[in-house]
């Protein structure tokens, strides 16, 4: 597995885009931006679907941070198109049938599945900046992963940003209410004191 600071291996992958266009992409295409390259085992499986949907949901947040997310698996472009259309994915999906990119990035190897050791895709994500590995996420757990990657590139996760904005909006009226309460209490105390005199 690559480490942070390592030179990112070059790749050349046929890719399908959300607008249905297809073209070959390489590392050089992302020289002036952050690339989030994530390897996943198989189209339309539960974990890979949730991961693709999470990255798609956070697409705008990644774009705001100057980053592009590309998913990579062994599946064909035809399979990628079906996967994208069936689950409404909005990120480019690249095919690596000969496993060259998988192996170059250490995303292919021995893993344990249902207690058995098998050879397969090691779900992993690489943040690449300026042609170098900026961050590595090995043996990824799907849930919360897209938010963790956003956090790593210094962008707030959409859910966190919404929660923060909501908290800020509700905090202001509370302050006003507290101030109002204090003023009312002061008035009542003053009135009681006056009455007592």
Foldseek 3Di string as FASTA:
>chain_A
DDDFFAFQDKDWWWKAAPVRDIDIDIPVVQQAFKEKEWEDFDFPDVLVLLLQVLCQVQVVLQVVLRYAYEYEYQDDPVSVVCSCVVNVGHHMYTHDNVCPNQVSVVQWQWDADPNDIDTGGFTKIFIDYNRTTRDIGTNDDRPCPSQVVSVSSPTHGPVVVVVVVVCVVVVVVVVVVVVVVVVVVVVVVVVVVVVVD
